[in-house]
C-alpha cells in the first residue's frame, strides 16, 4: 500500500502561480510512474500531467506551456508547477502513483482560481 499526501492547493488570482507537492510513502518510489489529475465540480477526473520512472513527461493539451511536472526521487516527491493559472483550472488536484497494474491515489488538494 502506498500513501500519497498532496499539498500546495490554494486560492489564487487568474494569471498567478502555484506549486503542488505530493509526498509518497513508497519504498521504491523511483520505480513508480507518477501523475497529477484533476476533477472539477460536475466533471470527470482528467489527466493533467504524468512523469514516468525514467522522467519522461506528458501533458494534457490544456496545460502545455503552463504547467511543469517534476520529481525528486530522494525526497519521494512529485511536483506540479502551475503558471498562468486560469479560472477553468479550478479543481481538486489528485496525485497518483502507478507500478504495474496497481494505482494509488492521494486525497486531493483544492486549487481555486478567481477571475
PDB file of N, CA and C in Angstrom:
ATOM      1  N   UNK A   1       0.840  -1.189   0.000  1.00  0.00           N
ATOM      2  CA  UNK A   1       0.000   0.000   0.000  1.00  0.00           C
ATOM      3  C   UNK A   1       0.880   1.246   0.000  1.00  0.00           C
ATOM      4  N   UNK A   2       0.540   2.191  -0.858  1.00  0.00           N
ATOM      5  CA  UNK A   2       1.288   3.441  -0.957  1.00  0.00           C
ATOM      6  C   UNK A   2       0.380   4.574  -0.511  1.00  0.00           C
ATOM      7  N   UNK A   3       0.877   5.397   0.350  1.00  0.00           N
ATOM      8  CA  UNK A   3       0.137   6.590   0.767  1.00  0.00           C
ATOM      9  C   UNK A   3       0.717   7.813   0.083  1.00  0.00           C
ATOM     10  N   UNK A   4      -0.174   8.665  -0.392  1.00  0.00           N
ATOM     11  CA  UNK A   4       0.214   9.882  -1.084  1.00  0.00           C
ATOM     12  C   UNK A   4      -0.434  11.064  -0.381  1.00  0.00           C
ATOM     13  N   UNK A   5       0.352  12.087  -0.118  1.00  0.00           N
ATOM     14  CA  UNK A   5      -0.159  13.277   0.554  1.00  0.00           C
ATOM     15  C   UNK A   5       0.162  14.497  -0.291  1.00  0.00           C
ATOM     16  N   UNK A   6      -0.905  15.127  -0.779  1.00  0.00           N
ATOM     17  CA  UNK A   6      -0.736  16.318  -1.597  1.00  0.00           C
ATOM     18  C   UNK A   6      -0.784  17.574  -0.733  1.00  0.00           C
ATOM     19  N   UNK A   7      -0.149  18.617  -1.208  1.00  0.00           N
ATOM     20  CA  UNK A   7      -0.216  19.920  -0.554  1.00  0.00           C
ATOM     21  C   UNK A   7       0.042  20.997  -1.598  1.00  0.00           C
ATOM     22  N   UNK A   8      -0.255  22.239  -1.210  1.00  0.00           N
ATOM     23  CA  UNK A   8       0.042  23.365  -2.082  1.00  0.00           C
ATOM     24  C   UNK A   8      -1.163  24.008  -2.735  1.00  0.00           C
ATOM     25  N   UNK A   9      -2.325  23.374  -2.616  1.00  0.00           N
ATOM     26  CA  UNK A   9      -3.511  23.988  -3.189  1.00  0.00           C
ATOM     27  C   UNK A   9      -3.883  25.261  -2.451  1.00  0.00           C
ATOM     28  N   UNK A  10      -4.512  26.184  -3.178  1.00  0.00           N
ATOM     29  CA  UNK A  10      -4.830  27.473  -2.565  1.00  0.00           C
ATOM     30  C   UNK A  10      -5.786  28.231  -3.469  1.00  0.00           C
ATOM     31  N   UNK A  11      -6.199  29.395  -2.990  1.00  0.00           N
ATOM     32  CA  UNK A  11      -6.976  30.334  -3.794  1.00  0.00           C
ATOM     33  C   UNK A  11      -6.000  31.332  -4.398  1.00  0.00           C
ATOM     34  N   UNK A  12      -6.063  31.492  -5.713  1.00  0.00           N
ATOM     35  CA  UNK A  12      -5.126  32.377  -6.400  1.00  0.00           C
ATOM     36  C   UNK A  12      -5.869  33.125  -7.496  1.00  0.00           C
ATOM     37  N   UNK A  13      -5.383  34.294  -7.824  1.00  0.00           N
ATOM     38  CA  UNK A  13      -5.997  35.070  -8.898  1.00  0.00           C
ATOM     39  C   UNK A  13      -5.540  34.551 -10.263  1.00  0.00           C
ATOM     40  N   UNK A  14      -6.368  34.783 -11.244  1.00  0.00           N
ATOM     41  CA  UNK A  14      -6.006  34.403 -12.609  1.00  0.00           C
ATOM     42  C   UNK A  14      -4.671  35.032 -12.983  1.00  0.00           C
ATOM     43  N   UNK A  15      -3.835  34.238 -13.650  1.00  0.00           N
ATOM     44  CA  UNK A  15      -2.506  34.693 -14.006  1.00  0.00           C
ATOM     45  C   UNK A  15      -1.446  34.347 -12.980  1.00  0.00           C
ATOM     46  N   UNK A  16      -1.888  33.902 -11.813  1.00  0.00           N
ATOM     47  CA  UNK A  16      -0.953  33.571 -10.750  1.00  0.00           C
ATOM     48  C   UNK A  16      -0.356  32.182 -10.904  1.00  0.00           C
ATOM     49  N   UNK A  17       0.432  31.803  -9.898  1.00  0.00           N
ATOM     50  CA  UNK A  17       1.141  30.523  -9.917  1.00  0.00           C
ATOM     51  C   UNK A  17       0.969  29.784  -8.603  1.00  0.00           C
ATOM     52  N   UNK A  18       1.048  28.474  -8.684  1.00  0.00           N
ATOM     53  CA  UNK A  18       1.060  27.611  -7.508  1.00  0.00           C
ATOM     54  C   UNK A  18       1.984  26.436  -7.794  1.00  0.00           C
ATOM     55  N   UNK A  19       2.537  25.870  -6.733  1.00  0.00           N
ATOM     56  CA  UNK A  19       3.280  24.626  -6.869  1.00  0.00           C
ATOM     57  C   UNK A  19       2.669  23.584  -5.949  1.00  0.00           C
ATOM     58  N   UNK A  20       2.214  22.517  -6.540  1.00  0.00           N
ATOM     59  CA  UNK A  20       1.674  21.406  -5.771  1.00  0.00           C
ATOM     60  C   UNK A  20       2.784  20.397  -5.503  1.00  0.00           C
ATOM     61  N   UNK A  21       2.690  19.769  -4.341  1.00  0.00           N
ATOM     62  CA  UNK A  21       3.636  18.723  -3.970  1.00  0.00           C
ATOM     63  C   UNK A  21       2.873  17.471  -3.573  1.00  0.00           C
ATOM     64  N   UNK A  22       3.484  16.338  -3.809  1.00  0.00           N
ATOM     65  CA  UNK A  22       2.901  15.057  -3.422  1.00  0.00           C
ATOM     66  C   UNK A  22       4.021  14.190  -2.874  1.00  0.00           C
ATOM     67  N   UNK A  23       3.908  13.849  -1.601  1.00  0.00           N
ATOM     68  CA  UNK A  23       4.905  13.009  -0.956  1.00  0.00           C
ATOM     69  C   UNK A  23       4.363  11.590  -0.870  1.00  0.00           C
ATOM     70  N   UNK A  24       5.193  10.629  -1.275  1.00  0.00           N
ATOM     71  CA  UNK A  24       4.776   9.230  -1.302  1.00  0.00           C
ATOM     72  C   UNK A  24       5.489   8.434  -0.215  1.00  0.00           C
ATOM     73  N   UNK A  25       4.802   7.404   0.236  1.00  0.00           N
ATOM     74  CA  UNK A  25       5.383   6.541   1.258  1.00  0.00           C
ATOM     75  C   UNK A  25       6.064   5.330   0.650  1.00  0.00           C
ATOM     76  N   UNK A  26       6.077   5.226  -0.652  1.00  0.00           N
ATOM     77  CA  UNK A  26       6.611   4.045  -1.332  1.00  0.00           C
ATOM     78  C   UNK A  26       8.105   3.880  -1.078  1.00  0.00           C
ATOM     79  N   UNK A  27       8.514   2.656  -0.752  1.00  0.00           N
ATOM     80  CA  UNK A  27       9.930   2.382  -0.521  1.00  0.00           C
ATOM     81  C   UNK A  27      10.746   2.455  -1.791  1.00  0.00           C
ATOM     82  N   UNK A  28      10.149   2.138  -2.905  1.00  0.00           N
ATOM     83  CA  UNK A  28      10.855   2.157  -4.190  1.00  0.00           C
ATOM     84  C   UNK A  28      10.210   3.195  -5.093  1.00  0.00           C
ATOM     85  N   UNK A  29      10.076   4.384  -4.557  1.00  0.00           N
ATOM     86  CA  UNK A  29       9.397   5.475  -5.250  1.00  0.00           C
ATOM     87  C   UNK A  29       9.923   5.658  -6.669  1.00  0.00           C
ATOM     88  N   UNK A  30      11.231   5.483  -6.841  1.00  0.00           N
ATOM     89  CA  UNK A  30      11.850   5.771  -8.125  1.00  0.00           C
ATOM     90  C   UNK A  30      11.304   4.876  -9.247  1.00  0.00           C
ATOM     91  N   UNK A  31      10.683   3.761  -8.876  1.00  0.00           N
ATOM     92  CA  UNK A  31      10.176   2.835  -9.876  1.00  0.00           C
ATOM     93  C   UNK A  31       8.731   3.137 -10.287  1.00  0.00           C
ATOM     94  N   UNK A  32       8.105   4.073  -9.575  1.00  0.00           N
ATOM     95  CA  UNK A  32       6.706   4.379  -9.845  1.00  0.00           C
ATOM     96  C   UNK A  32       6.572   5.438 -10.931  1.00  0.00           C
ATOM     97  N   UNK A  33       5.587   5.236 -11.761  1.00  0.00           N
ATOM     98  CA  UNK A  33       5.138   6.298 -12.644  1.00  0.00           C
ATOM     99  C   UNK A  33       4.176   7.170 -11.843  1.00  0.00           C
ATOM    100  N   UNK A  34       4.337   8.474 -11.959  1.00  0.00           N
ATOM    101  CA  UNK A  34       3.553   9.393 -11.148  1.00  0.00           C
ATOM    102  C   UNK A  34       2.730  10.317 -12.051  1.00  0.00           C
ATOM    103  N   UNK A  35       1.641  10.810 -11.483  1.00  0.00           N
ATOM    104  CA  UNK A  35       0.822  11.701 -12.296  1.00  0.00           C
ATOM    105  C   UNK A  35      -0.006  12.639 -11.448  1.00  0.00           C
ATOM    106  N   UNK A  36      -0.425  13.708 -12.065  1.00  0.00           N
ATOM    107  CA  UNK A  36      -1.377  14.644 -11.484  1.00  0.00           C
ATOM    108  C   UNK A  36      -2.647  14.609 -12.317  1.00  0.00           C
ATOM    109  N   UNK A  37      -3.762  14.553 -11.616  1.00  0.00           N
ATOM    110  CA  UNK A  37      -5.072  14.530 -12.239  1.00  0.00           C
ATOM    111  C   UNK A  37      -5.925  15.591 -11.558  1.00  0.00           C
ATOM    112  N   UNK A  38      -7.004  15.957 -12.199  1.00  0.00           N
ATOM    113  CA  UNK A  38      -7.881  16.934 -11.563  1.00  0.00           C
ATOM    114  C   UNK A  38      -9.338  16.617 -11.849  1.00  0.00           C
ATOM    115  N   UNK A  39     -10.176  17.088 -10.947  1.00  0.00           N
ATOM    116  CA  UNK A  39     -11.613  16.900 -11.112  1.00  0.00           C
ATOM    117  C   UNK A  39     -12.323  18.170 -10.699  1.00  0.00           C
ATOM    118  N   UNK A  40     -13.012  18.756 -11.643  1.00  0.00           N
ATOM    119  CA  UNK A  40     -13.801  19.955 -11.381  1.00  0.00           C
ATOM    120  C   UNK A  40     -15.229  19.532 -11.040  1.00  0.00           C
ATOM    121  N   UNK A  41     -15.968  20.379 -10.357  1.00  0.00           N
ATOM    122  CA  UNK A  41     -17.345  20.034  -9.987  1.00  0.00           C
ATOM    123  C   UNK A  41     -18.184  19.663 -11.209  1.00  0.00           C
ATOM    124  N   UNK A  42     -18.846  18.521 -11.126  1.00  0.00           N
ATOM    125  CA  UNK A  42     -19.708  18.078 -12.208  1.00  0.00           C
ATOM    126  C   UNK A  42     -18.991  17.487 -13.401  1.00  0.00           C
ATOM    127  N   UNK A  43     -17.682  17.334 -13.294  1.00  0.00           N
ATOM    128  CA  UNK A  43     -16.904  16.799 -14.412  1.00  0.00           C
ATOM    129  C   UNK A  43     -16.159  15.543 -13.995  1.00  0.00           C
ATOM    130  N   UNK A  44     -15.721  14.787 -14.982  1.00  0.00           N
ATOM    131  CA  UNK A  44     -14.946  13.594 -14.706  1.00  0.00           C
ATOM    132  C   UNK A  44     -13.507  13.959 -14.389  1.00  0.00           C
ATOM    133  N   UNK A  45     -12.849  13.072 -13.682  1.00  0.00           N
ATOM    134  CA  UNK A  45     -11.436  13.256 -13.403  1.00  0.00           C
ATOM    135  C   UNK A  45     -10.659  13.144 -14.708  1.00  0.00           C
ATOM    136  N   UNK A  46      -9.680  14.041 -14.862  1.00  0.00           N
ATOM    137  CA  UNK A  46      -8.892  14.033 -16.089  1.00  0.00           C
ATOM    138  C   UNK A  46      -7.407  14.122 -15.779  1.00  0.00           C
ATOM    139  N   UNK A  47      -6.619  13.578 -16.686  1.00  0.00           N
ATOM    140  CA  UNK A  47      -5.176  13.618 -16.529  1.00  0.00           C
ATOM    141  C   UNK A  47      -4.656  15.017 -16.844  1.00  0.00           C
ATOM    142  N   UNK A  48      -3.754  15.482 -16.018  1.00  0.00           N
ATOM    143  CA  UNK A  48      -3.116  16.787 -16.221  1.00  0.00           C
ATOM    144  C   UNK A  48      -1.692  16.599 -16.741  1.00  0.00           C
ATOM    145  N   UNK A  49      -0.919  15.803 -16.030  1.00  0.00           N
ATOM    146  CA  UNK A  49       0.480  15.584 -16.398  1.00  0.00           C
ATOM    147  C   UNK A  49       0.957  14.289 -15.762  1.00  0.00           C
ATOM    148  N   UNK A  50       1.852  13.610 -16.461  1.00  0.00           N
ATOM    149  CA  UNK A  50       2.431  12.383 -15.928  1.00  0.00           C
ATOM    150  C   UNK A  50       3.939  12.401 -16.116  1.00  0.00           C
ATOM    151  N   UNK A  51       4.615  11.656 -15.240  1.00  0.00           N
ATOM    152  CA  UNK A  51       6.059  11.528 -15.343  1.00  0.00           C
ATOM    153  C   UNK A  51       6.403  10.087 -15.017  1.00  0.00           C
ATOM    154  N   UNK A  52       7.159   9.458 -15.907  1.00  0.00           N
ATOM    155  CA  UNK A  52       7.486   8.049 -15.709  1.00  0.00           C
ATOM    156  C   UNK A  52       8.667   7.889 -14.745  1.00  0.00           C
ATOM    157  N   UNK A  53       8.982   6.630 -14.456  1.00  0.00           N
ATOM    158  CA  UNK A  53      10.124   6.349 -13.583  1.00  0.00           C
ATOM    159  C   UNK A  53      11.432   6.818 -14.219  1.00  0.00           C
ATOM    160  N   UNK A  54      11.446   6.938 -15.528  1.00  0.00           N
ATOM    161  CA  UNK A  54      12.641   7.435 -16.222  1.00  0.00           C
ATOM    162  C   UNK A  54      12.540   8.929 -16.543  1.00  0.00           C
ATOM    163  N   UNK A  55      11.560   9.585 -15.925  1.00  0.00           N
ATOM    164  CA  UNK A  55      11.388  11.045 -16.005  1.00  0.00           C
ATOM    165  C   UNK A  55      10.890  11.541 -17.347  1.00  0.00           C
ATOM    166  N   UNK A  56      10.261  10.676 -18.112  1.00  0.00           N
ATOM    167  CA  UNK A  56       9.608  11.114 -19.335  1.00  0.00           C
ATOM    168  C   UNK A  56       8.263  11.732 -18.976  1.00  0.00           C
ATOM    169  N   UNK A  57       7.963  12.882 -19.549  1.00  0.00           N
ATOM    170  CA  UNK A  57       6.752  13.606 -19.162  1.00  0.00           C
ATOM    171  C   UNK A  57       5.751  13.704 -20.309  1.00  0.00           C
ATOM    172  N   UNK A  58       4.487  13.806 -19.926  1.00  0.00           N
ATOM    173  CA  UNK A  58       3.406  14.054 -20.871  1.00  0.00           C
ATOM    174  C   UNK A  58       2.435  15.019 -20.237  1.00  0.00           C
ATOM    175  N   UNK A  59       1.830  15.852 -21.080  1.00  0.00           N
ATOM    176  CA  UNK A  59       0.911  16.865 -20.584  1.00  0.00           C
ATOM    177  C   UNK A  59      -0.386  16.860 -21.380  1.00  0.00           C
ATOM    178  N   UNK A  60      -1.448  17.201 -20.689  1.00  0.00           N
ATOM    179  CA  UNK A  60      -2.701  17.447 -21.389  1.00  0.00           C
ATOM    180  C   UNK A  60      -2.550  18.720 -22.215  1.00  0.00           C
ATOM    181  N   UNK A  61      -3.237  18.773 -23.336  1.00  0.00           N
ATOM    182  CA  UNK A  61      -3.106  19.941 -24.209  1.00  0.00           C
ATOM    183  C   UNK A  61      -3.460  21.237 -23.492  1.00  0.00           C
ATOM    184  N   UNK A  62      -4.413  21.174 -22.578  1.00  0.00           N
ATOM    185  CA  UNK A  62      -4.879  22.403 -21.950  1.00  0.00           C
ATOM    186  C   UNK A  62      -3.906  22.979 -20.925  1.00  0.00           C
ATOM    187  N   UNK A  63      -2.806  22.274 -20.635  1.00  0.00           N
ATOM    188  CA  UNK A  63      -1.810  22.816 -19.701  1.00  0.00           C
ATOM    189  C   UNK A  63      -0.431  22.974 -20.320  1.00  0.00           C
ATOM    190  N   UNK A  64      -0.279  22.538 -21.547  1.00  0.00           N
ATOM    191  CA  UNK A  64       1.036  22.619 -22.189  1.00  0.00           C
ATOM    192  C   UNK A  64       1.530  24.066 -22.224  1.00  0.00           C
ATOM    193  N   UNK A  65       2.766  24.220 -21.802  1.00  0.00           N
ATOM    194  CA  UNK A  65       3.367  25.542 -21.774  1.00  0.00           C
ATOM    195  C   UNK A  65       3.088  26.322 -20.501  1.00  0.00           C
ATOM    196  N   UNK A  66       2.185  25.803 -19.663  1.00  0.00           N
ATOM    197  CA  UNK A  66       1.848  26.494 -18.415  1.00  0.00           C
ATOM    198  C   UNK A  66       2.236  25.684 -17.181  1.00  0.00           C
ATOM    199  N   UNK A  67       2.090  24.382 -17.239  1.00  0.00           N
ATOM    200  CA  UNK A  67       2.369  23.514 -16.097  1.00  0.00           C
ATOM    201  C   UNK A  67       3.627  22.681 -16.367  1.00  0.00           C
ATOM    202  N   UNK A  68       4.338  22.370 -15.280  1.00  0.00           N
ATOM    203  CA  UNK A  68       5.513  21.515 -15.377  1.00  0.00           C
ATOM    204  C   UNK A  68       5.479  20.481 -14.267  1.00  0.00           C
ATOM    205  N   UNK A  69       5.607  19.218 -14.630  1.00  0.00           N
ATOM    206  CA  UNK A  69       5.688  18.149 -13.644  1.00  0.00           C
ATOM    207  C   UNK A  69       7.149  17.754 -13.468  1.00  0.00           C
ATOM    208  N   UNK A  70       7.515  17.455 -12.240  1.00  0.00           N
ATOM    209  CA  UNK A  70       8.883  17.030 -11.958  1.00  0.00           C
ATOM    210  C   UNK A  70       8.858  16.103 -10.751  1.00  0.00           C
ATOM    211  N   UNK A  71       9.962  15.435 -10.531  1.00  0.00           N
ATOM    212  CA  UNK A  71      10.045  14.528  -9.396  1.00  0.00           C
ATOM    213  C   UNK A  71      11.420  14.599  -8.755  1.00  0.00           C
ATOM    214  N   UNK A  72      11.442  14.322  -7.458  1.00  0.00           N
ATOM    215  CA  UNK A  72      12.676  14.241  -6.697  1.00  0.00           C
ATOM    216  C   UNK A  72      12.633  12.884  -5.997  1.00  0.00           C
ATOM    217  N   UNK A  73      13.333  11.931  -6.549  1.00  0.00           N
ATOM    218  CA  UNK A  73      13.269  10.575  -6.005  1.00  0.00           C
ATOM    219  C   UNK A  73      13.854  10.485  -4.592  1.00  0.00           C
ATOM    220  N   UNK A  74      14.846  11.293  -4.303  1.00  0.00           N
ATOM    221  CA  UNK A  74      15.444  11.274  -2.963  1.00  0.00           C
ATOM    222  C   UNK A  74      14.425  11.718  -1.910  1.00  0.00           C
ATOM    223  N   UNK A  75      13.537  12.625  -2.291  1.00  0.00           N
ATOM    224  CA  UNK A  75      12.513  13.117  -1.363  1.00  0.00           C
ATOM    225  C   UNK A  75      11.184  12.396  -1.545  1.00  0.00           C
ATOM    226  N   UNK A  76      11.126  11.456  -2.481  1.00  0.00           N
ATOM    227  CA  UNK A  76       9.896  10.712  -2.761  1.00  0.00           C
ATOM    228  C   UNK A  76       8.744  11.676  -3.026  1.00  0.00           C
ATOM    229  N   UNK A  77       9.027  12.673  -3.820  1.00  0.00           N
ATOM    230  CA  UNK A  77       8.066  13.746  -4.039  1.00  0.00           C
ATOM    231  C   UNK A  77       7.925  14.043  -5.533  1.00  0.00           C
ATOM    232  N   UNK A  78       6.696  14.303  -5.938  1.00  0.00           N
ATOM    233  CA  UNK A  78       6.431  14.771  -7.287  1.00  0.00           C
ATOM    234  C   UNK A  78       5.783  16.143  -7.180  1.00  0.00           C
ATOM    235  N   UNK A  79       6.140  17.016  -8.105  1.00  0.00           N
ATOM    236  CA  UNK A  79       5.675  18.396  -8.072  1.00  0.00           C
ATOM    237  C   UNK A  79       4.875  18.723  -9.329  1.00  0.00           C
ATOM    238  N   UNK A  80       4.026  19.720  -9.170  1.00  0.00           N
ATOM    239  CA  UNK A  80       3.348  20.282 -10.329  1.00  0.00           C
ATOM    240  C   UNK A  80       3.437  21.799 -10.204  1.00  0.00           C
ATOM    241  N   UNK A  81       4.274  22.396 -11.019  1.00  0.00           N
ATOM    242  CA  UNK A  81       4.383  23.849 -11.065  1.00  0.00           C
ATOM    243  C   UNK A  81       3.342  24.359 -12.040  1.00  0.00           C
ATOM    244  N   UNK A  82       2.473  25.212 -11.546  1.00  0.00           N
ATOM    245  CA  UNK A  82       1.370  25.728 -12.363  1.00  0.00           C
ATOM    246  C   UNK A  82       1.516  27.234 -12.506  1.00  0.00           C
ATOM    247  N   UNK A  83       1.690  27.684 -13.719  1.00  0.00           N
ATOM    248  CA  UNK A  83       1.821  29.108 -14.024  1.00  0.00           C
ATOM    249  C   UNK A  83       0.663  29.559 -14.911  1.00  0.00           C
ATOM    250  N   UNK A  84       0.483  30.854 -14.976  1.00  0.00           N
ATOM    251  CA  UNK A  84      -0.573  31.432 -15.823  1.00  0.00           C
ATOM    252  C   UNK A  84      -1.915  30.743 -15.585  1.00  0.00           C
ATOM    253  N   UNK A  85      -2.261  30.622 -14.345  1.00  0.00           N
ATOM    254  CA  UNK A  85      -3.488  29.911 -13.997  1.00  0.00           C
ATOM    255  C   UNK A  85      -4.727  30.634 -14.507  1.00  0.00           C
ATOM    256  N   UNK A  86      -5.712  29.825 -14.871  1.00  0.00           N
ATOM    257  CA  UNK A  86      -6.968  30.335 -15.409  1.00  0.00           C
ATOM    258  C   UNK A  86      -8.122  29.862 -14.520  1.00  0.00           C
ATOM    259  N   UNK A  87      -9.228  30.572 -14.524  1.00  0.00           N
ATOM    260  CA  UNK A  87     -10.376  30.126 -13.720  1.00  0.00           C
ATOM    261  C   UNK A  87     -10.795  28.688 -14.042  1.00  0.00           C
ATOM    262  N   UNK A  88     -10.629  28.279 -15.274  1.00  0.00           N
ATOM    263  CA  UNK A  88     -11.011  26.907 -15.651  1.00  0.00           C
ATOM    264  C   UNK A  88     -10.058  25.854 -15.106  1.00  0.00           C
ATOM    265  N   UNK A  89      -8.978  26.273 -14.485  1.00  0.00           N
ATOM    266  CA  UNK A  89      -8.081  25.329 -13.803  1.00  0.00           C
ATOM    267  C   UNK A  89      -8.589  24.980 -12.408  1.00  0.00           C
ATOM    268  N   UNK A  90      -9.645  25.637 -11.981  1.00  0.00           N
ATOM    269  CA  UNK A  90     -10.209  25.355 -10.667  1.00  0.00           C
ATOM    270  C   UNK A  90     -10.679  23.914 -10.582  1.00  0.00           C
ATOM    271  N   UNK A  91     -10.177  23.188  -9.582  1.00  0.00           N
ATOM    272  CA  UNK A  91     -10.495  21.768  -9.431  1.00  0.00           C
ATOM    273  C   UNK A  91      -9.802  21.229  -8.191  1.00  0.00           C
ATOM    274  N   UNK A  92     -10.155  20.007  -7.846  1.00  0.00           N
ATOM    275  CA  UNK A  92      -9.368  19.268  -6.873  1.00  0.00           C
ATOM    276  C   UNK A  92      -8.294  18.533  -7.661  1.00  0.00           C
ATOM    277  N   UNK A  93      -7.062  18.691  -7.241  1.00  0.00           N
ATOM    278  CA  UNK A  93      -5.944  18.060  -7.918  1.00  0.00           C
ATOM    279  C   UNK A  93      -5.485  16.847  -7.114  1.00  0.00           C
ATOM    280  N   UNK A  94      -5.385  15.734  -7.810  1.00  0.00           N
ATOM    281  CA  UNK A  94      -5.010  14.478  -7.180  1.00  0.00           C
ATOM    282  C   UNK A  94      -3.666  13.985  -7.711  1.00  0.00           C
ATOM    283  N   UNK A  95      -2.913  13.410  -6.823  1.00  0.00           N
ATOM    284  CA  UNK A  95      -1.660  12.760  -7.174  1.00  0.00           C
ATOM    285  C   UNK A  95      -1.935  11.265  -7.293  1.00  0.00           C
ATOM    286  N   UNK A  96      -1.282  10.625  -8.247  1.00  0.00           N
ATOM    287  CA  UNK A  96      -1.424   9.185  -8.423  1.00  0.00           C
ATOM    288  C   UNK A  96      -0.067   8.558  -8.627  1.00  0.00           C
ATOM    289  N   UNK A  97       0.060   7.344  -8.103  1.00  0.00           N
ATOM    290  CA  UNK A  97       1.278   6.555  -8.283  1.00  0.00           C
ATOM    291  C   UNK A  97       0.892   5.217  -8.892  1.00  0.00           C
ATOM    292  N   UNK A  98       1.651   4.791  -9.871  1.00  0.00           N
ATOM    293  CA  UNK A  98       1.335   3.525 -10.515  1.00  0.00           C
ATOM    294  C   UNK A  98       2.595   2.716 -10.733  1.00  0.00           C
ATOM    295  N   UNK A  99       2.470   1.406 -10.422  1.00  0.00           N
ATOM    296  CA  UNK A  99       3.519   0.453 -10.728  1.00  0.00           C
ATOM    297  C   UNK A  99       2.817  -0.827 -11.157  1.00  0.00           C
ATOM    298  N   UNK A 100       3.139  -1.296 -12.342  1.00  0.00           N
ATOM    299  CA  UNK A 100       2.410  -2.435 -12.879  1.00  0.00           C
ATOM    300  C   UNK A 100       0.942  -2.072 -13.018  1.00  0.00           C
ATOM    301  N   UNK A 101       0.079  -2.942 -12.532  1.00  0.00           N
ATOM    302  CA  UNK A 101      -1.357  -2.697 -12.618  1.00  0.00           C
ATOM    303  C   UNK A 101      -1.916  -2.015 -11.377  1.00  0.00           C
ATOM    304  N   UNK A 102      -1.061  -1.695 -10.448  1.00  0.00           N
ATOM    305  CA  UNK A 102      -1.501  -1.074  -9.192  1.00  0.00           C
ATOM    306  C   UNK A 102      -1.395   0.437  -9.272  1.00  0.00           C
ATOM    307  N   UNK A 103      -2.513   1.100  -8.968  1.00  0.00           N
ATOM    308  CA  UNK A 103      -2.545   2.558  -8.934  1.00  0.00           C
ATOM    309  C   UNK A 103      -3.071   3.013  -7.581  1.00  0.00           C
ATOM    310  N   UNK A 104      -2.415   4.026  -7.067  1.00  0.00           N
ATOM    311  CA  UNK A 104      -2.785   4.586  -5.780  1.00  0.00           C
ATOM    312  C   UNK A 104      -3.076   6.064  -5.938  1.00  0.00           C
ATOM    313  N   UNK A 105      -4.031   6.548  -5.111  1.00  0.00           N
ATOM    314  CA  UNK A 105      -4.455   7.941  -5.186  1.00  0.00           C
ATOM    315  C   UNK A 105      -4.272   8.655  -3.858  1.00  0.00           C
ATOM    316  N   UNK A 106      -3.978   9.927  -3.942  1.00  0.00           N
ATOM    317  CA  UNK A 106      -3.993  10.774  -2.763  1.00  0.00           C
ATOM    318  C   UNK A 106      -5.395  11.308  -2.519  1.00  0.00           C
ATOM    319  N   UNK A 107      -5.523  12.107  -1.476  1.00  0.00           N
ATOM    320  CA  UNK A 107      -6.825  12.643  -1.095  1.00  0.00           C
ATOM    321  C   UNK A 107      -7.196  13.906  -1.861  1.00  0.00           C
ATOM    322  N   UNK A 108      -6.229  14.512  -2.492  1.00  0.00           N
ATOM    323  CA  UNK A 108      -6.500  15.697  -3.298  1.00  0.00           C
ATOM    324  C   UNK A 108      -6.236  16.995  -2.565  1.00  0.00           C
ATOM    325  N   UNK A 109      -5.985  18.026  -3.345  1.00  0.00           N
ATOM    326  CA  UNK A 109      -5.788  19.371  -2.813  1.00  0.00           C
ATOM    327  C   UNK A 109      -6.550  20.343  -3.714  1.00  0.00           C
ATOM    328  N   UNK A 110      -7.248  21.271  -3.081  1.00  0.00           N
ATOM    329  CA  UNK A 110      -8.131  22.172  -3.825  1.00  0.00           C
ATOM    330  C   UNK A 110      -7.345  23.348  -4.398  1.00  0.00           C
ATOM    331  N   UNK A 111      -7.544  23.572  -5.680  1.00  0.00           N
ATOM    332  CA  UNK A 111      -6.998  24.749  -6.350  1.00  0.00           C
ATOM    333  C   UNK A 111      -8.182  25.569  -6.865  1.00  0.00           C
ATOM    334  N   UNK A 112      -8.228  26.817  -6.452  1.00  0.00           N
ATOM    335  CA  UNK A 112      -9.287  27.712  -6.892  1.00  0.00           C
ATOM    336  C   UNK A 112      -8.661  28.947  -7.521  1.00  0.00           C
ATOM    337  N   UNK A 113      -9.056  29.234  -8.741  1.00  0.00           N
ATOM    338  CA  UNK A 113      -8.516  30.372  -9.459  1.00  0.00           C
ATOM    339  C   UNK A 113      -9.645  31.377  -9.684  1.00  0.00           C
ATOM    340  N   UNK A 114      -9.483  32.557  -9.119  1.00  0.00           N
ATOM    341  CA  UNK A 114     -10.510  33.581  -9.251  1.00  0.00           C
ATOM    342  C   UNK A 114     -10.219  34.476 -10.454  1.00  0.00           C
ATOM    343  N   UNK A 115     -11.291  34.978 -11.046  1.00  0.00           N
ATOM    344  CA  UNK A 115     -11.118  35.831 -12.243  1.00  0.00           C
ATOM    345  C   UNK A 115     -11.017  37.292 -11.863  1.00  0.00           C
TER     346      UNK A 115
END
